[in-house]
N, C-alpha and C. Protein backbone atom coordinates (compact mmCIF):
# COMPACT_ATOMS: atom_id res chain seq x y z
N MET A 1 44.84 -184.56 -70.80
CA MET A 1 44.88 -185.12 -71.70
C MET A 1 43.00 -185.12 -71.18
N ALA A 2 42.63 -184.60 -70.17
CA ALA A 2 41.33 -184.27 -69.86
C ALA A 2 40.66 -183.36 -71.04
N TRP A 3 41.18 -182.59 -71.20
CA TRP A 3 40.61 -181.17 -71.89
C TRP A 3 39.89 -182.16 -73.31
N ARG A 4 41.09 -182.96 -73.71
CA ARG A 4 40.96 -183.90 -74.93
C ARG A 4 39.43 -184.61 -74.97
N ALA A 5 39.11 -185.27 -73.93
CA ALA A 5 38.17 -185.98 -73.81
C ALA A 5 36.85 -185.29 -73.76
N ALA A 6 36.85 -184.12 -73.13
CA ALA A 6 35.73 -183.55 -72.82
C ALA A 6 35.23 -182.96 -74.16
N VAL A 7 36.40 -182.18 -75.14
CA VAL A 7 36.41 -181.70 -76.47
C VAL A 7 35.75 -183.05 -77.13
N ALA A 8 36.01 -184.01 -76.90
CA ALA A 8 35.55 -185.08 -77.97
C ALA A 8 34.04 -185.55 -77.48
N ALA A 9 33.79 -185.66 -76.23
CA ALA A 9 32.58 -185.61 -75.63
C ALA A 9 31.23 -184.44 -76.81
N ALA A 10 32.20 -183.36 -76.24
CA ALA A 10 31.08 -181.94 -76.56
C ALA A 10 30.48 -182.46 -78.27
N LEU A 11 31.81 -182.67 -78.90
CA LEU A 11 31.17 -182.93 -80.01
C LEU A 11 30.81 -183.75 -80.60
N ALA A 12 30.88 -185.01 -79.94
CA ALA A 12 29.79 -186.05 -79.97
C ALA A 12 28.40 -185.77 -79.81
N LEU A 13 27.93 -185.40 -78.79
CA LEU A 13 26.76 -184.55 -78.81
C LEU A 13 26.21 -183.75 -79.36
N ALA A 14 26.97 -182.34 -80.16
CA ALA A 14 26.31 -181.59 -80.90
C ALA A 14 26.35 -182.33 -82.60
N GLY A 15 27.07 -183.37 -82.71
CA GLY A 15 26.80 -184.33 -83.63
C GLY A 15 25.45 -184.93 -83.24
N CYS A 16 25.30 -185.38 -82.52
CA CYS A 16 23.56 -185.83 -82.03
C CYS A 16 22.13 -185.01 -82.51
N ALA A 17 23.08 -183.84 -82.14
CA ALA A 17 21.96 -182.61 -82.28
C ALA A 17 21.58 -182.03 -83.54
N GLN A 18 22.44 -182.90 -84.62
CA GLN A 18 22.07 -182.22 -85.82
C GLN A 18 21.09 -183.35 -86.65
N PRO A 19 20.16 -182.58 -87.65
CA PRO A 19 18.91 -183.47 -88.20
C PRO A 19 19.56 -184.36 -88.62
N LEU A 20 19.01 -185.42 -88.68
CA LEU A 20 19.47 -187.05 -89.99
C LEU A 20 19.56 -186.33 -91.46
N PRO A 21 20.31 -186.68 -92.12
CA PRO A 21 19.95 -186.91 -94.05
C PRO A 21 18.35 -187.22 -93.59
N LEU A 22 17.80 -186.82 -94.95
CA LEU A 22 16.35 -187.41 -94.86
C LEU A 22 16.41 -188.69 -95.75
N SER A 23 17.36 -188.95 -96.32
CA SER A 23 18.10 -190.33 -96.76
C SER A 23 17.74 -191.42 -95.59
N GLN A 24 17.98 -191.17 -94.64
CA GLN A 24 17.95 -191.39 -93.46
C GLN A 24 16.88 -191.43 -92.65
N GLY A 25 16.06 -190.91 -93.13
CA GLY A 25 14.62 -190.59 -91.86
C GLY A 25 15.08 -189.64 -90.94
N GLY A 26 13.91 -188.84 -90.81
CA GLY A 26 14.41 -187.37 -89.68
C GLY A 26 12.97 -186.45 -89.88
N LEU A 27 13.20 -185.49 -88.95
CA LEU A 27 12.47 -184.41 -89.15
C LEU A 27 12.43 -183.59 -90.48
N LEU A 28 11.32 -183.14 -91.42
CA LEU A 28 11.83 -182.49 -92.70
C LEU A 28 10.89 -180.76 -92.11
N ARG A 29 11.27 -179.65 -91.77
CA ARG A 29 11.04 -178.32 -91.51
C ARG A 29 10.59 -177.46 -93.11
N ILE A 30 9.64 -177.30 -93.30
CA ILE A 30 9.39 -176.76 -94.01
C ILE A 30 9.05 -174.88 -93.84
N GLU A 31 9.66 -174.07 -94.16
CA GLU A 31 9.13 -172.89 -93.48
C GLU A 31 8.92 -171.19 -94.98
N GLY A 32 8.06 -170.71 -95.31
CA GLY A 32 7.76 -169.90 -96.19
C GLY A 32 6.94 -168.81 -95.94
N ARG A 33 6.61 -167.91 -96.68
CA ARG A 33 5.32 -167.05 -96.64
C ARG A 33 4.42 -167.04 -97.10
N LEU A 34 2.96 -166.56 -97.09
CA LEU A 34 2.00 -166.48 -98.45
C LEU A 34 1.88 -164.99 -98.75
N GLU A 35 1.78 -164.80 -100.09
CA GLU A 35 1.66 -163.32 -100.51
C GLU A 35 0.14 -163.55 -101.27
N GLY A 36 -0.54 -162.29 -100.89
CA GLY A 36 -1.87 -162.46 -101.67
C GLY A 36 -2.58 -161.13 -101.92
N PRO A 37 -3.55 -160.89 -101.10
CA PRO A 37 -4.46 -159.90 -101.31
C PRO A 37 -3.77 -158.79 -100.69
N ALA A 38 -3.93 -157.80 -100.31
CA ALA A 38 -3.68 -156.57 -99.77
C ALA A 38 -3.81 -156.39 -98.58
N PRO A 39 -3.02 -156.38 -97.63
CA PRO A 39 -3.47 -155.76 -96.09
C PRO A 39 -4.45 -155.14 -96.00
N GLY A 40 -5.73 -155.81 -95.05
CA GLY A 40 -6.59 -155.09 -94.66
C GLY A 40 -7.73 -155.00 -95.75
N SER A 41 -7.48 -155.53 -96.77
CA SER A 41 -8.49 -155.18 -98.13
C SER A 41 -9.75 -156.87 -97.87
N LEU A 42 -9.39 -157.20 -97.22
CA LEU A 42 -10.34 -158.54 -96.98
C LEU A 42 -11.94 -157.95 -96.56
N GLY A 43 -11.49 -157.20 -95.51
CA GLY A 43 -13.26 -156.90 -95.03
C GLY A 43 -13.74 -157.86 -93.77
N VAL A 44 -13.92 -158.75 -94.04
CA VAL A 44 -14.12 -159.82 -92.69
C VAL A 44 -12.95 -160.72 -92.54
N PRO A 45 -12.85 -161.35 -91.45
CA PRO A 45 -12.24 -162.29 -90.86
C PRO A 45 -11.75 -163.34 -91.86
N ALA A 46 -10.77 -164.04 -91.88
CA ALA A 46 -10.15 -164.91 -93.36
C ALA A 46 -9.09 -165.72 -92.41
N GLN A 47 -9.61 -167.39 -92.54
CA GLN A 47 -8.38 -167.84 -92.82
C GLN A 47 -7.62 -168.58 -93.13
N TRP A 48 -6.53 -169.24 -92.96
CA TRP A 48 -5.36 -169.29 -94.15
C TRP A 48 -4.82 -170.63 -93.69
N VAL A 49 -4.24 -171.54 -94.75
CA VAL A 49 -4.21 -173.18 -94.27
C VAL A 49 -3.03 -173.12 -95.72
N VAL A 50 -2.12 -174.23 -94.92
CA VAL A 50 -0.79 -174.55 -95.88
C VAL A 50 -1.07 -176.20 -95.42
N GLU A 51 -1.26 -177.01 -96.62
CA GLU A 51 -1.12 -178.14 -96.65
C GLU A 51 0.13 -178.60 -97.27
N LEU A 52 1.29 -179.84 -96.60
CA LEU A 52 1.76 -180.43 -97.20
C LEU A 52 1.18 -182.00 -97.60
N ARG A 53 1.52 -182.68 -99.13
CA ARG A 53 0.98 -184.02 -99.08
C ARG A 53 1.70 -184.34 -99.98
N ASP A 54 1.33 -185.70 -100.22
CA ASP A 54 2.52 -186.47 -100.42
C ASP A 54 2.49 -186.14 -102.53
N ALA A 55 3.65 -186.71 -103.33
CA ALA A 55 3.91 -186.23 -104.57
C ALA A 55 2.70 -186.48 -105.44
N GLU A 56 1.64 -186.94 -105.09
CA GLU A 56 0.74 -187.29 -106.07
C GLU A 56 -0.54 -186.23 -105.67
N GLY A 57 -0.56 -185.68 -104.37
CA GLY A 57 -1.54 -184.54 -103.72
C GLY A 57 -2.51 -185.68 -102.77
N GLU A 58 -2.87 -186.73 -103.00
CA GLU A 58 -3.53 -187.49 -101.99
C GLU A 58 -3.70 -187.77 -100.69
N ARG A 59 -2.28 -187.46 -100.15
CA ARG A 59 -2.65 -187.45 -98.18
C ARG A 59 -2.01 -186.47 -97.75
N VAL A 60 -2.38 -185.96 -97.07
CA VAL A 60 -2.37 -184.63 -96.07
C VAL A 60 -1.13 -185.06 -95.40
N LEU A 61 0.00 -184.60 -95.11
CA LEU A 61 1.20 -185.24 -94.17
C LEU A 61 1.13 -184.21 -92.93
N ALA A 62 1.09 -183.07 -93.33
CA ALA A 62 1.10 -181.87 -92.19
C ALA A 62 0.21 -180.88 -93.05
N GLU A 63 -0.02 -179.98 -91.80
CA GLU A 63 -0.65 -178.54 -91.70
C GLU A 63 -0.54 -177.43 -90.95
N GLN A 64 -0.86 -176.42 -91.73
CA GLN A 64 -0.87 -175.52 -90.45
C GLN A 64 -1.82 -174.33 -90.62
N ARG A 65 -2.23 -173.99 -89.81
CA ARG A 65 -3.67 -172.85 -89.93
C ARG A 65 -3.64 -171.75 -89.23
N GLY A 66 -4.29 -170.62 -89.21
CA GLY A 66 -4.42 -169.35 -88.69
C GLY A 66 -5.36 -168.27 -89.27
N THR A 67 -5.61 -167.51 -88.50
CA THR A 67 -6.55 -166.29 -88.68
C THR A 67 -5.76 -165.36 -89.09
N VAL A 68 -6.08 -164.58 -90.49
CA VAL A 68 -5.36 -163.36 -90.96
C VAL A 68 -5.54 -162.14 -89.99
N ALA A 69 -4.23 -161.98 -89.76
CA ALA A 69 -4.60 -160.61 -88.55
C ALA A 69 -4.09 -159.37 -89.62
N ALA A 70 -4.15 -158.44 -88.76
CA ALA A 70 -4.18 -156.90 -89.43
C ALA A 70 -2.45 -157.11 -89.68
N GLY A 71 -2.10 -156.14 -91.05
CA GLY A 71 -1.42 -156.17 -91.44
C GLY A 71 -0.54 -157.40 -92.38
N GLN A 72 -1.24 -158.06 -92.65
CA GLN A 72 -0.97 -159.81 -93.33
C GLN A 72 -2.00 -160.14 -94.73
N PRO A 73 -1.66 -160.04 -95.66
CA PRO A 73 -0.46 -160.98 -96.04
C PRO A 73 0.78 -160.04 -96.04
N PRO A 74 2.00 -160.40 -95.76
CA PRO A 74 2.77 -161.98 -95.96
C PRO A 74 2.52 -162.42 -94.09
N ILE A 75 2.34 -164.14 -94.88
CA ILE A 75 1.70 -164.19 -93.68
C ILE A 75 3.13 -165.81 -93.39
N PRO A 76 4.01 -165.82 -92.42
CA PRO A 76 4.61 -166.69 -92.65
C PRO A 76 4.32 -168.13 -92.01
N PHE A 77 4.96 -169.35 -92.20
CA PHE A 77 4.73 -170.46 -91.84
C PHE A 77 5.50 -171.76 -91.70
N VAL A 78 5.48 -172.48 -90.77
CA VAL A 78 6.08 -173.62 -90.67
C VAL A 78 5.48 -175.16 -90.31
N LEU A 79 6.01 -175.54 -91.30
CA LEU A 79 5.44 -177.20 -91.40
C LEU A 79 6.51 -177.85 -90.95
N THR A 80 6.22 -179.39 -90.15
CA THR A 80 7.04 -180.27 -89.83
C THR A 80 6.66 -181.52 -90.42
N HIS A 81 7.63 -182.43 -90.66
CA HIS A 81 7.57 -183.52 -91.22
C HIS A 81 7.93 -184.76 -90.58
N GLU A 82 7.77 -185.69 -90.24
CA GLU A 82 8.83 -187.04 -89.93
C GLU A 82 8.72 -187.57 -91.36
N ALA A 83 9.59 -187.42 -91.87
CA ALA A 83 9.95 -188.28 -93.33
C ALA A 83 10.66 -189.76 -92.75
N ALA A 84 9.53 -190.58 -93.40
CA ALA A 84 10.35 -191.71 -93.57
C ALA A 84 11.76 -192.52 -93.93
N ALA A 85 12.54 -193.15 -93.73
CA ALA A 85 13.85 -193.66 -93.75
C ALA A 85 12.93 -194.47 -95.36
N ALA A 86 14.51 -194.00 -96.37
CA ALA A 86 14.56 -194.47 -97.70
C ALA A 86 12.96 -194.06 -98.52
N ALA A 87 12.45 -193.47 -97.68
CA ALA A 87 11.50 -192.84 -99.11
C ALA A 87 11.89 -191.65 -99.95
N ALA A 88 11.16 -192.09 -100.95
CA ALA A 88 11.10 -190.71 -102.17
C ALA A 88 11.08 -189.62 -101.57
N GLN A 89 11.76 -188.92 -101.55
CA GLN A 89 11.50 -186.96 -100.65
C GLN A 89 10.74 -186.38 -101.73
N ARG A 90 9.66 -186.51 -101.80
CA ARG A 90 9.11 -185.77 -102.88
C ARG A 90 7.50 -185.50 -102.33
N TYR A 91 7.09 -183.81 -102.37
CA TYR A 91 6.11 -183.78 -101.82
C TYR A 91 5.29 -182.29 -102.83
N THR A 92 4.10 -182.11 -102.62
CA THR A 92 3.46 -181.16 -102.96
C THR A 92 3.11 -180.25 -102.04
N LEU A 93 3.39 -178.71 -102.10
CA LEU A 93 3.02 -178.18 -100.95
C LEU A 93 1.85 -176.70 -101.33
N ARG A 94 0.58 -176.78 -101.03
CA ARG A 94 -0.27 -175.77 -101.57
C ARG A 94 -1.29 -174.92 -100.31
N ALA A 95 -1.67 -173.69 -100.52
CA ALA A 95 -2.38 -172.77 -99.25
C ALA A 95 -3.24 -171.99 -100.11
N ALA A 96 -4.25 -172.07 -98.72
CA ALA A 96 -5.64 -171.68 -99.53
C ALA A 96 -5.65 -170.12 -98.76
N LEU A 97 -6.85 -169.44 -98.70
CA LEU A 97 -7.41 -168.46 -97.82
C LEU A 97 -8.99 -168.70 -98.23
N GLN A 98 -9.48 -168.87 -97.29
CA GLN A 98 -11.16 -168.81 -96.62
C GLN A 98 -11.53 -167.56 -95.86
N LEU A 99 -12.58 -167.42 -97.25
CA LEU A 99 -13.70 -166.29 -96.20
C LEU A 99 -15.07 -167.05 -96.38
N GLN A 100 -15.64 -167.00 -94.72
CA GLN A 100 -16.41 -167.34 -94.36
C GLN A 100 -16.60 -168.71 -94.83
N GLY A 101 -15.92 -169.59 -94.92
CA GLY A 101 -15.64 -170.90 -94.58
C GLY A 101 -15.26 -171.38 -96.40
N GLN A 102 -15.42 -170.68 -97.43
CA GLN A 102 -15.27 -170.65 -98.52
C GLN A 102 -13.90 -170.04 -99.09
N VAL A 103 -13.09 -170.96 -99.95
CA VAL A 103 -11.92 -170.91 -100.34
C VAL A 103 -11.81 -169.58 -101.72
N ARG A 104 -11.14 -168.89 -101.42
CA ARG A 104 -11.53 -167.49 -102.24
C ARG A 104 -10.47 -167.07 -102.92
N TRP A 105 -9.04 -168.08 -102.33
CA TRP A 105 -7.95 -167.32 -102.71
C TRP A 105 -7.01 -168.65 -102.63
N LEU A 106 -5.82 -169.28 -103.56
CA LEU A 106 -5.76 -170.70 -103.76
C LEU A 106 -4.35 -170.38 -104.77
N SER A 107 -3.74 -171.37 -104.03
CA SER A 107 -1.86 -171.18 -104.85
C SER A 107 -1.71 -172.15 -105.53
N GLU A 108 -0.73 -171.79 -106.77
CA GLU A 108 -0.72 -173.56 -107.68
C GLU A 108 0.07 -173.97 -106.23
N PRO A 109 -0.30 -175.54 -106.82
CA PRO A 109 0.64 -176.55 -106.13
C PRO A 109 2.11 -176.69 -106.43
N ARG A 110 2.86 -176.36 -105.47
CA ARG A 110 4.51 -176.22 -105.21
C ARG A 110 4.79 -177.66 -105.18
N ALA A 111 5.54 -178.29 -106.35
CA ALA A 111 6.25 -179.52 -106.30
C ALA A 111 7.57 -179.35 -105.16
N ILE A 112 8.03 -180.27 -104.32
CA ILE A 112 8.74 -179.94 -103.35
C ILE A 112 9.94 -181.02 -103.55
N GLU A 113 11.07 -181.09 -103.48
CA GLU A 113 11.99 -181.99 -103.50
C GLU A 113 12.68 -181.74 -102.59
N ALA A 114 12.76 -182.83 -101.41
CA ALA A 114 13.66 -182.29 -99.86
C ALA A 114 14.66 -183.09 -99.66
N PRO A 115 16.08 -183.03 -100.09
CA PRO A 115 17.30 -183.46 -99.90
C PRO A 115 17.46 -183.22 -98.74
N ALA A 116 16.99 -181.96 -98.21
CA ALA A 116 17.83 -181.02 -96.58
C ALA A 116 16.59 -181.54 -95.51
N ALA A 117 17.16 -180.83 -94.47
CA ALA A 117 16.00 -181.30 -93.41
C ALA A 117 15.32 -180.09 -93.10
N ARG A 118 15.75 -178.88 -93.45
CA ARG A 118 15.48 -177.82 -93.28
C ARG A 118 15.35 -176.89 -94.67
N LEU A 119 13.99 -176.43 -95.19
CA LEU A 119 13.86 -175.97 -96.63
C LEU A 119 13.43 -174.42 -96.36
N ASP A 120 13.73 -173.49 -96.85
CA ASP A 120 12.96 -172.04 -97.18
C ASP A 120 12.49 -172.31 -98.51
N ILE A 121 11.45 -172.24 -98.99
CA ILE A 121 10.72 -172.23 -99.99
C ILE A 121 10.25 -170.68 -100.32
N GLY A 122 10.44 -169.38 -99.47
CA GLY A 122 10.26 -168.08 -100.20
C GLY A 122 8.63 -168.28 -100.27
N SER A 123 8.27 -167.40 -100.87
CA SER A 123 6.81 -166.83 -101.09
C SER A 123 5.98 -167.91 -101.90
N LEU A 124 4.82 -168.30 -101.34
CA LEU A 124 3.50 -169.38 -102.33
C LEU A 124 2.49 -167.62 -102.51
N GLN A 125 2.27 -167.91 -103.95
CA GLN A 125 1.67 -166.80 -103.94
C GLN A 125 -0.03 -166.99 -104.06
N LEU A 126 -0.83 -166.34 -103.55
CA LEU A 126 -2.80 -167.01 -103.51
C LEU A 126 -2.86 -165.86 -104.54
N LEU A 127 -3.65 -166.81 -105.07
CA LEU A 127 -4.46 -165.99 -106.64
C LEU A 127 -5.81 -166.05 -106.18
N PRO A 128 -6.91 -165.36 -106.70
CA PRO A 128 -8.07 -165.03 -106.61
C PRO A 128 -8.50 -166.64 -107.11
N TYR A 129 -9.71 -167.25 -106.50
CA TYR A 129 -10.09 -168.62 -107.24
C TYR A 129 -11.63 -168.24 -106.89
N THR A 130 -12.22 -169.17 -107.60
CA THR A 130 -14.18 -169.09 -107.98
C THR A 130 -13.99 -170.73 -107.74
N HIS A 131 -14.97 -171.12 -107.09
CA HIS A 131 -15.31 -172.62 -106.70
C HIS A 131 -16.13 -172.86 -108.24
N PRO A 132 -16.04 -173.80 -108.89
CA PRO A 132 -16.66 -174.19 -110.18
C PRO A 132 -17.63 -174.81 -109.91
N GLY A 133 -17.95 -175.19 -108.61
CA GLY A 133 -19.38 -175.65 -108.17
C GLY A 133 -19.50 -177.21 -107.74
N GLY A 134 -20.33 -177.94 -107.25
CA GLY A 134 -20.35 -179.02 -107.00
C GLY A 134 -20.47 -180.45 -108.15
N PHE A 135 -20.16 -181.19 -108.12
CA PHE A 135 -19.78 -182.26 -108.98
C PHE A 135 -18.97 -181.65 -110.43
N ALA A 136 -18.20 -180.71 -110.51
CA ALA A 136 -17.46 -180.18 -111.63
C ALA A 136 -17.09 -181.22 -112.66
N ASN A 137 -17.46 -181.03 -114.20
CA ASN A 137 -16.65 -181.36 -115.17
C ASN A 137 -16.11 -180.54 -116.10
N THR A 138 -15.15 -181.28 -116.47
CA THR A 138 -14.32 -180.13 -117.59
C THR A 138 -14.58 -180.69 -118.87
N LEU A 139 -15.21 -179.98 -119.76
CA LEU A 139 -15.67 -180.30 -121.22
C LEU A 139 -14.59 -180.27 -122.21
N ASP A 140 -14.55 -180.57 -123.08
CA ASP A 140 -13.85 -180.53 -124.21
C ASP A 140 -14.44 -179.67 -125.48
N CYS A 141 -14.51 -178.42 -126.01
CA CYS A 141 -15.50 -178.25 -126.80
C CYS A 141 -14.72 -178.02 -128.18
N GLY A 142 -14.06 -178.88 -128.78
CA GLY A 142 -13.89 -178.45 -130.19
C GLY A 142 -12.49 -177.74 -129.81
N GLY A 143 -11.40 -178.35 -128.69
CA GLY A 143 -10.42 -178.02 -128.29
C GLY A 143 -10.34 -176.69 -127.41
N GLN A 144 -11.23 -176.22 -127.18
CA GLN A 144 -11.85 -174.86 -125.89
C GLN A 144 -12.29 -175.62 -124.97
N ARG A 145 -11.61 -175.98 -123.55
CA ARG A 145 -12.20 -176.49 -121.87
C ARG A 145 -12.80 -175.31 -121.63
N VAL A 146 -13.71 -176.14 -121.07
CA VAL A 146 -14.90 -175.36 -120.16
C VAL A 146 -15.29 -176.17 -118.80
N THR A 147 -15.70 -175.66 -117.91
CA THR A 147 -15.93 -176.46 -116.62
C THR A 147 -17.56 -175.98 -116.24
N VAL A 148 -18.23 -176.63 -115.97
CA VAL A 148 -18.98 -176.81 -115.45
C VAL A 148 -19.74 -177.59 -113.86
N GLY A 149 -20.47 -176.91 -113.27
CA GLY A 149 -20.91 -177.25 -111.89
C GLY A 149 -21.85 -176.54 -111.14
N TYR A 150 -22.76 -177.56 -110.19
CA TYR A 150 -23.55 -177.22 -110.03
C TYR A 150 -23.56 -176.30 -108.67
N LEU A 151 -24.38 -175.14 -108.71
CA LEU A 151 -24.67 -174.29 -107.52
C LEU A 151 -25.95 -174.72 -107.12
N GLY A 152 -26.13 -175.23 -106.32
CA GLY A 152 -27.80 -175.45 -105.76
C GLY A 152 -28.38 -175.85 -107.20
N GLU A 153 -29.93 -174.49 -107.83
CA GLU A 153 -30.31 -175.18 -108.76
C GLU A 153 -29.68 -174.24 -110.09
N GLN A 154 -28.79 -174.02 -109.91
CA GLN A 154 -28.27 -173.46 -110.62
C GLN A 154 -26.81 -174.03 -111.41
N LEU A 155 -26.32 -173.63 -112.55
CA LEU A 155 -25.22 -173.81 -112.97
C LEU A 155 -23.75 -173.26 -113.37
N ARG A 156 -22.70 -173.83 -113.04
CA ARG A 156 -22.02 -172.47 -112.78
C ARG A 156 -21.00 -172.79 -113.72
N LEU A 157 -20.65 -171.97 -115.15
CA LEU A 157 -20.04 -171.74 -116.34
C LEU A 157 -18.56 -171.12 -116.06
N SER A 158 -17.43 -172.18 -115.97
CA SER A 158 -16.23 -171.38 -116.38
C SER A 158 -15.51 -171.56 -117.48
N VAL A 159 -15.00 -170.21 -118.12
CA VAL A 159 -14.67 -170.34 -119.00
C VAL A 159 -13.38 -169.69 -118.77
N GLY A 160 -11.64 -170.33 -118.44
CA GLY A 160 -10.85 -169.61 -118.65
C GLY A 160 -10.72 -168.58 -117.18
N THR A 161 -10.78 -167.55 -117.10
CA THR A 161 -10.95 -166.21 -116.09
C THR A 161 -12.35 -166.15 -115.90
N GLN A 162 -13.48 -166.05 -117.09
CA GLN A 162 -14.57 -166.20 -117.12
C GLN A 162 -15.70 -166.83 -116.13
N VAL A 163 -16.34 -166.02 -115.45
CA VAL A 163 -17.03 -167.42 -114.68
C VAL A 163 -18.87 -166.72 -115.23
N TYR A 164 -19.48 -167.60 -115.26
CA TYR A 164 -20.95 -167.11 -115.41
C TYR A 164 -22.14 -168.27 -114.76
N ASP A 165 -22.89 -167.63 -113.78
CA ASP A 165 -23.62 -168.34 -113.42
C ASP A 165 -24.88 -168.30 -114.12
N LEU A 166 -25.74 -169.47 -114.23
CA LEU A 166 -26.85 -169.65 -115.27
C LEU A 166 -27.63 -170.51 -114.58
N ALA A 167 -29.34 -169.89 -114.88
CA ALA A 167 -30.46 -170.29 -114.23
C ALA A 167 -30.99 -171.37 -115.29
N ALA A 168 -31.47 -172.55 -114.40
CA ALA A 168 -32.24 -173.38 -115.40
C ALA A 168 -33.39 -172.53 -115.88
N VAL A 169 -33.76 -173.31 -117.02
CA VAL A 169 -34.73 -172.85 -118.04
C VAL A 169 -36.01 -173.92 -117.53
N ARG A 170 -36.97 -173.84 -116.93
CA ARG A 170 -38.12 -173.78 -116.30
C ARG A 170 -39.09 -175.36 -118.12
N GLY A 171 -38.89 -176.40 -117.77
CA GLY A 171 -39.40 -177.23 -118.64
C GLY A 171 -38.91 -177.85 -119.84
N SER A 172 -37.64 -177.14 -119.84
CA SER A 172 -36.61 -177.52 -121.14
C SER A 172 -36.27 -178.80 -121.11
N THR A 173 -36.14 -179.62 -122.42
CA THR A 173 -35.62 -181.22 -122.90
C THR A 173 -35.09 -180.80 -123.75
N PRO A 174 -33.66 -181.33 -123.65
CA PRO A 174 -32.67 -181.30 -122.39
C PRO A 174 -32.68 -180.13 -121.83
N PRO A 175 -32.01 -180.90 -120.39
CA PRO A 175 -31.69 -179.16 -119.70
C PRO A 175 -31.13 -178.49 -119.96
N ARG A 176 -31.85 -177.00 -120.17
CA ARG A 176 -30.92 -175.93 -120.39
C ARG A 176 -30.70 -174.62 -119.26
N PHE A 177 -29.48 -174.53 -119.52
CA PHE A 177 -29.17 -173.28 -118.32
C PHE A 177 -29.06 -172.36 -119.23
N GLU A 178 -29.22 -170.55 -118.64
CA GLU A 178 -29.18 -169.60 -119.41
C GLU A 178 -28.37 -168.53 -118.44
N ARG A 179 -27.84 -167.52 -118.97
CA ARG A 179 -27.34 -166.58 -118.06
C ARG A 179 -29.24 -165.33 -118.19
N ALA A 180 -28.82 -165.00 -116.70
CA ALA A 180 -30.09 -164.49 -116.89
C ALA A 180 -30.43 -162.74 -117.97
N GLU A 181 -29.50 -162.18 -117.73
CA GLU A 181 -28.78 -160.97 -118.32
C GLU A 181 -28.50 -161.05 -119.60
N ASP A 182 -28.55 -162.55 -120.28
CA ASP A 182 -27.99 -162.60 -121.55
C ASP A 182 -28.23 -164.21 -121.65
N PRO A 183 -29.43 -164.33 -122.12
CA PRO A 183 -29.64 -165.76 -122.87
C PRO A 183 -28.97 -166.20 -123.73
N SER A 184 -27.79 -165.70 -124.29
CA SER A 184 -27.53 -166.22 -125.64
C SER A 184 -26.20 -166.76 -125.36
N THR A 185 -25.91 -166.90 -123.68
CA THR A 185 -24.84 -167.40 -123.00
C THR A 185 -25.58 -168.60 -122.24
N PHE A 186 -25.32 -169.71 -122.72
CA PHE A 186 -26.29 -170.96 -121.94
C PHE A 186 -25.46 -172.13 -122.46
N VAL A 187 -26.02 -173.32 -121.54
CA VAL A 187 -25.33 -174.53 -121.89
C VAL A 187 -26.53 -175.86 -121.81
N GLN A 188 -26.45 -176.44 -122.60
CA GLN A 188 -28.00 -177.66 -122.53
C GLN A 188 -26.92 -178.80 -122.65
N LEU A 189 -27.42 -179.40 -121.57
CA LEU A 189 -26.86 -181.11 -121.40
C LEU A 189 -27.67 -182.06 -121.91
N ASP A 190 -27.15 -182.61 -122.60
CA ASP A 190 -27.55 -184.26 -122.97
C ASP A 190 -26.76 -185.49 -121.95
N GLU A 191 -27.15 -186.48 -122.57
CA GLU A 191 -26.49 -187.95 -122.35
C GLU A 191 -25.24 -187.66 -122.56
N ARG A 192 -24.75 -187.68 -124.17
CA ARG A 192 -23.88 -187.21 -124.67
C ARG A 192 -22.55 -186.58 -125.03
N GLY A 193 -23.05 -185.26 -123.94
CA GLY A 193 -22.29 -183.80 -123.86
C GLY A 193 -23.05 -182.72 -123.45
N ALA A 194 -22.51 -181.82 -124.09
CA ALA A 194 -23.47 -180.40 -123.73
C ALA A 194 -22.90 -179.41 -125.03
N MET A 195 -24.28 -178.40 -125.66
CA MET A 195 -24.02 -177.59 -126.18
C MET A 195 -23.38 -176.40 -125.26
N VAL A 196 -23.16 -175.39 -125.44
CA VAL A 196 -22.44 -174.42 -125.09
C VAL A 196 -22.14 -173.02 -126.20
N SER A 197 -22.54 -172.01 -125.17
CA SER A 197 -22.88 -170.70 -126.33
C SER A 197 -22.26 -169.43 -125.32
N LEU A 198 -21.58 -169.09 -125.81
CA LEU A 198 -21.07 -167.65 -124.96
C LEU A 198 -21.33 -166.41 -125.49
N ARG A 199 -22.08 -165.86 -125.09
CA ARG A 199 -22.76 -164.05 -125.61
C ARG A 199 -23.10 -164.49 -127.15
N GLY A 200 -23.74 -165.78 -127.73
CA GLY A 200 -23.86 -165.90 -128.85
C GLY A 200 -22.65 -166.33 -130.11
N ARG A 201 -22.04 -166.34 -129.06
CA ARG A 201 -20.82 -168.04 -130.18
C ARG A 201 -21.43 -169.21 -129.47
N LEU A 202 -21.69 -170.06 -130.63
CA LEU A 202 -21.65 -171.71 -130.27
C LEU A 202 -20.67 -172.00 -130.15
N LEU A 203 -20.38 -172.71 -129.17
CA LEU A 203 -18.85 -173.78 -129.42
C LEU A 203 -19.32 -174.80 -129.93
N ALA A 204 -18.17 -175.59 -131.04
CA ALA A 204 -18.28 -177.20 -130.98
C ALA A 204 -18.59 -177.65 -130.13
N ARG A 205 -19.30 -178.83 -130.37
CA ARG A 205 -20.43 -179.61 -129.23
C ARG A 205 -19.12 -180.40 -128.51
N CYS A 206 -19.39 -180.19 -126.98
CA CYS A 206 -18.70 -180.20 -125.86
C CYS A 206 -18.89 -181.77 -125.49
N ILE A 207 -17.61 -182.54 -125.11
CA ILE A 207 -17.52 -183.34 -124.52
C ILE A 207 -16.88 -183.73 -123.63
N GLY A 208 -16.90 -184.75 -122.34
CA GLY A 208 -16.31 -184.73 -121.26
C GLY A 208 -15.04 -185.45 -121.45
N GLN A 209 -13.85 -184.62 -120.68
CA GLN A 209 -12.87 -185.15 -120.89
C GLN A 209 -12.33 -186.76 -119.93
N ARG A 210 -11.46 -187.04 -120.69
CA ARG A 210 -10.84 -188.72 -119.69
C ARG A 210 -9.90 -188.51 -119.32
């Protein structure tokens, strides 16, 4: 009968080693890989980061960082997070690649529901990213959306995948910013919104989105 007791003890220990269901709290492990620019195409040392946030994307719960090595991407990653008991197990995962401190590649936010303690999410695709500038605002120009943000004394205008850096026109009232090589692309700001022209095509009056 001693062997039965030994087997029972071994099974009990094995059961203790199993991860707790996340509905009871426990350690969540998320693994995957980053896909993006071709290996060796970056030219300068690059840094990567993967963040796990709460469902609203406001609070960082876990992160992993590293330097892009030769032959990468793909870049494998593993994140661990101590899940709270009885908490709604919904998260947001996002990754970025930085060159000289600026984000140049960015993944779309990936919504994750975590019923299990270990998840393999496969690939996160890093896409080319252009910073919209400081104090960036999205404007509605008669149904077409544009984004404007400041880069020092310049204004960056983003329309879909097109990006235009505009220089201030000195002495203009209200403030006006034009593309140096094409003044027919401009933004003129006032207290109520903006007028935007793209290569001579004047958009409907632009107002801030709420």
